[in-house]
Amino acid sequence: MSHFSKQVERHVRKYKKIMPTVAKQSAQEVVAKAQLHNKKGGRMRIDTGFLRASIVAGIGSMPTGQTKGEPDKNYVYTGHGLAATLIRWNPATESLFVGWTANYARAREATDGFMRGASEEWSGIVERVVKKARVGF
């Protein structure tokens, strides 16, 4: 095997090693962008917090969850379910599904575009994450 081929092979191995981290971190950043309150530069309106707290992630299929919140209750998004799903997710062989189960999520998305706006930044987010991941190379 030529010297050049060995170099290429070594780089391919390194990139394959960081790909899962890049995919997981990028997905997490897109979700964080989508969940950002419109008063803090994002597109998501937050009243009781139910929409934001209704986010779910699943591997292989879209998960389900609570569709209606209690009117007088304030909800807090913790991110624990998303983090647990991202840890288990294998980007090389599995599809990741992320969505909001609140019954009014589609209407809010159609009006405000919180997910659309975040997903439009996917390329830039991935590029930034790759640059961070490559620091150790």
Protein backbone atom coordinates (compact mmCIF):
# COMPACT_ATOMS: atom_id res chain seq x y z
CA MET A 1 0.00 0.00 0.00
CA SER A 2 1.37 3.42 -0.94
CA HIS A 3 2.16 6.13 1.57
CA PHE A 4 -0.71 8.24 0.23
CA SER A 5 -3.19 5.35 0.59
CA LYS A 6 -2.11 4.83 4.18
CA GLN A 7 -2.63 8.52 4.92
CA VAL A 8 -6.10 8.45 3.39
CA GLU A 9 -6.98 5.30 5.32
CA ARG A 10 -5.77 6.87 8.58
CA HIS A 11 -7.88 10.00 7.99
CA VAL A 12 -10.96 7.94 7.11
CA ARG A 13 -10.58 6.00 10.38
CA LYS A 14 -10.31 9.24 12.35
CA TYR A 15 -13.37 10.76 10.70
CA LYS A 16 -15.41 7.59 11.20
CA LYS A 17 -14.49 7.77 14.85
CA ILE A 18 -15.78 11.34 15.31
CA MET A 19 -18.86 11.02 13.08
CA PRO A 20 -21.20 9.79 15.85
CA THR A 21 -20.11 12.64 18.12
CA VAL A 22 -20.61 15.18 15.34
CA ALA A 23 -24.08 13.85 14.50
CA LYS A 24 -25.22 13.76 18.14
CA GLN A 25 -23.85 17.19 19.02
CA SER A 26 -25.29 18.71 15.83
CA ALA A 27 -28.73 17.21 16.54
CA GLN A 28 -28.59 18.54 20.08
CA GLU A 29 -27.69 22.04 18.86
CA VAL A 30 -30.50 22.06 16.28
CA VAL A 31 -32.98 21.09 18.99
CA ALA A 32 -31.61 23.79 21.32
CA LYS A 33 -32.06 26.33 18.53
CA ALA A 34 -35.63 25.15 17.87
CA GLN A 35 -36.46 25.31 21.58
CA LEU A 36 -35.09 28.85 22.00
CA HIS A 37 -37.67 31.29 23.37
CA ASN A 38 -38.74 33.98 20.91
CA LYS A 39 -37.86 36.61 23.54
CA LYS A 40 -34.28 35.31 23.54
CA GLY A 41 -33.75 35.34 19.78
CA GLY A 42 -35.51 32.10 18.91
CA ARG A 43 -38.85 31.41 17.27
CA MET A 44 -40.67 29.38 19.92
CA ARG A 45 -43.40 31.18 21.85
CA ILE A 46 -43.55 30.05 25.44
CA ASP A 47 -46.60 30.64 27.62
CA THR A 48 -47.00 27.64 29.95
CA GLY A 49 -43.95 25.84 28.53
CA PHE A 50 -45.99 22.78 27.51
CA LEU A 51 -44.99 22.93 23.83
CA ARG A 52 -41.33 23.15 24.73
CA ALA A 53 -41.63 20.35 27.32
CA SER A 54 -43.51 18.10 24.88
CA ILE A 55 -40.43 17.46 22.74
CA VAL A 56 -39.62 13.78 22.35
CA ALA A 57 -37.00 11.84 20.46
CA GLY A 58 -37.05 8.29 19.22
CA ILE A 59 -34.77 5.93 17.39
CA GLY A 60 -36.29 4.29 14.34
CA SER A 61 -39.73 5.86 14.68
CA MET A 62 -41.46 8.95 15.97
CA PRO A 63 -42.27 8.54 19.65
CA THR A 64 -45.54 9.61 21.23
CA GLY A 65 -46.36 11.56 24.34
CA GLN A 66 -48.80 13.79 26.14
CA THR A 67 -50.79 16.00 23.75
CA LYS A 68 -52.61 18.33 26.16
CA GLY A 69 -51.22 20.31 29.02
CA GLU A 70 -53.03 21.58 32.08
CA PRO A 71 -54.01 25.24 31.59
CA ASP A 72 -52.85 26.51 34.99
CA LYS A 73 -49.63 24.52 35.13
CA ASN A 74 -46.19 25.71 34.09
CA TYR A 75 -43.99 23.13 32.39
CA VAL A 76 -40.22 22.96 32.43
CA TYR A 77 -38.13 21.40 29.69
CA THR A 78 -35.31 19.32 31.20
CA GLY A 79 -33.84 17.69 28.10
CA HIS A 80 -33.25 14.41 29.97
CA GLY A 81 -35.26 12.27 27.53
CA LEU A 82 -33.52 13.77 24.52
CA ALA A 83 -30.09 13.31 26.06
CA ALA A 84 -30.81 9.67 26.91
CA THR A 85 -31.99 9.00 23.35
CA LEU A 86 -28.94 10.70 21.82
CA ILE A 87 -26.62 8.58 23.96
CA ARG A 88 -28.23 5.37 22.63
CA TRP A 89 -28.50 6.56 19.00
CA ASN A 90 -26.12 5.09 16.42
CA PRO A 91 -26.14 7.61 13.54
CA ALA A 92 -24.45 5.16 11.17
CA THR A 93 -27.29 2.65 11.26
CA GLU A 94 -30.35 4.31 12.84
CA SER A 95 -32.69 7.20 12.10
CA LEU A 96 -33.35 9.78 14.80
CA PHE A 97 -36.83 11.30 15.05
CA VAL A 98 -37.50 14.45 17.06
CA GLY A 99 -40.86 16.15 17.44
CA TRP A 100 -43.30 17.89 19.71
CA THR A 101 -46.40 16.08 20.95
CA ALA A 102 -48.42 19.14 22.02
CA ASN A 103 -51.68 19.11 20.07
CA TYR A 104 -50.99 22.64 18.80
CA ALA A 105 -47.35 22.03 17.79
CA ARG A 106 -48.14 21.90 14.04
CA ALA A 107 -50.02 25.18 14.18
CA ARG A 108 -47.18 26.89 16.09
CA GLU A 109 -44.64 25.47 13.63
CA ALA A 110 -46.71 26.66 10.66
CA THR A 111 -46.93 30.15 12.15
CA ASP A 112 -43.55 30.54 13.83
CA GLY A 113 -41.29 28.03 12.07
CA PHE A 114 -39.26 27.17 15.17
CA MET A 115 -38.12 23.80 13.78
CA ARG A 116 -37.86 24.97 10.18
CA GLY A 117 -35.66 27.88 11.23
CA ALA A 118 -33.40 25.64 13.29
CA SER A 119 -33.13 22.95 10.61
CA GLU A 120 -32.17 25.57 8.03
CA GLU A 121 -29.02 26.09 10.09
CA TRP A 122 -28.10 22.38 10.03
CA SER A 123 -25.20 22.77 7.58
CA GLY A 124 -23.62 25.60 9.54
CA ILE A 125 -24.09 23.79 12.84
CA VAL A 126 -22.49 20.61 11.48
CA GLU A 127 -19.60 22.60 10.06
CA ARG A 128 -19.00 24.29 13.43
CA VAL A 129 -19.20 20.97 15.30
CA VAL A 130 -16.78 19.31 12.86
CA LYS A 131 -14.28 22.10 13.38
CA LYS A 132 -14.49 21.62 17.13
CA ALA A 133 -14.16 17.84 16.81
CA ARG A 134 -11.13 18.13 14.52
CA VAL A 135 -9.12 20.07 17.09
CA GLY A 136 -7.65 16.82 18.38
CA PHE A 137 -6.41 15.76 14.93
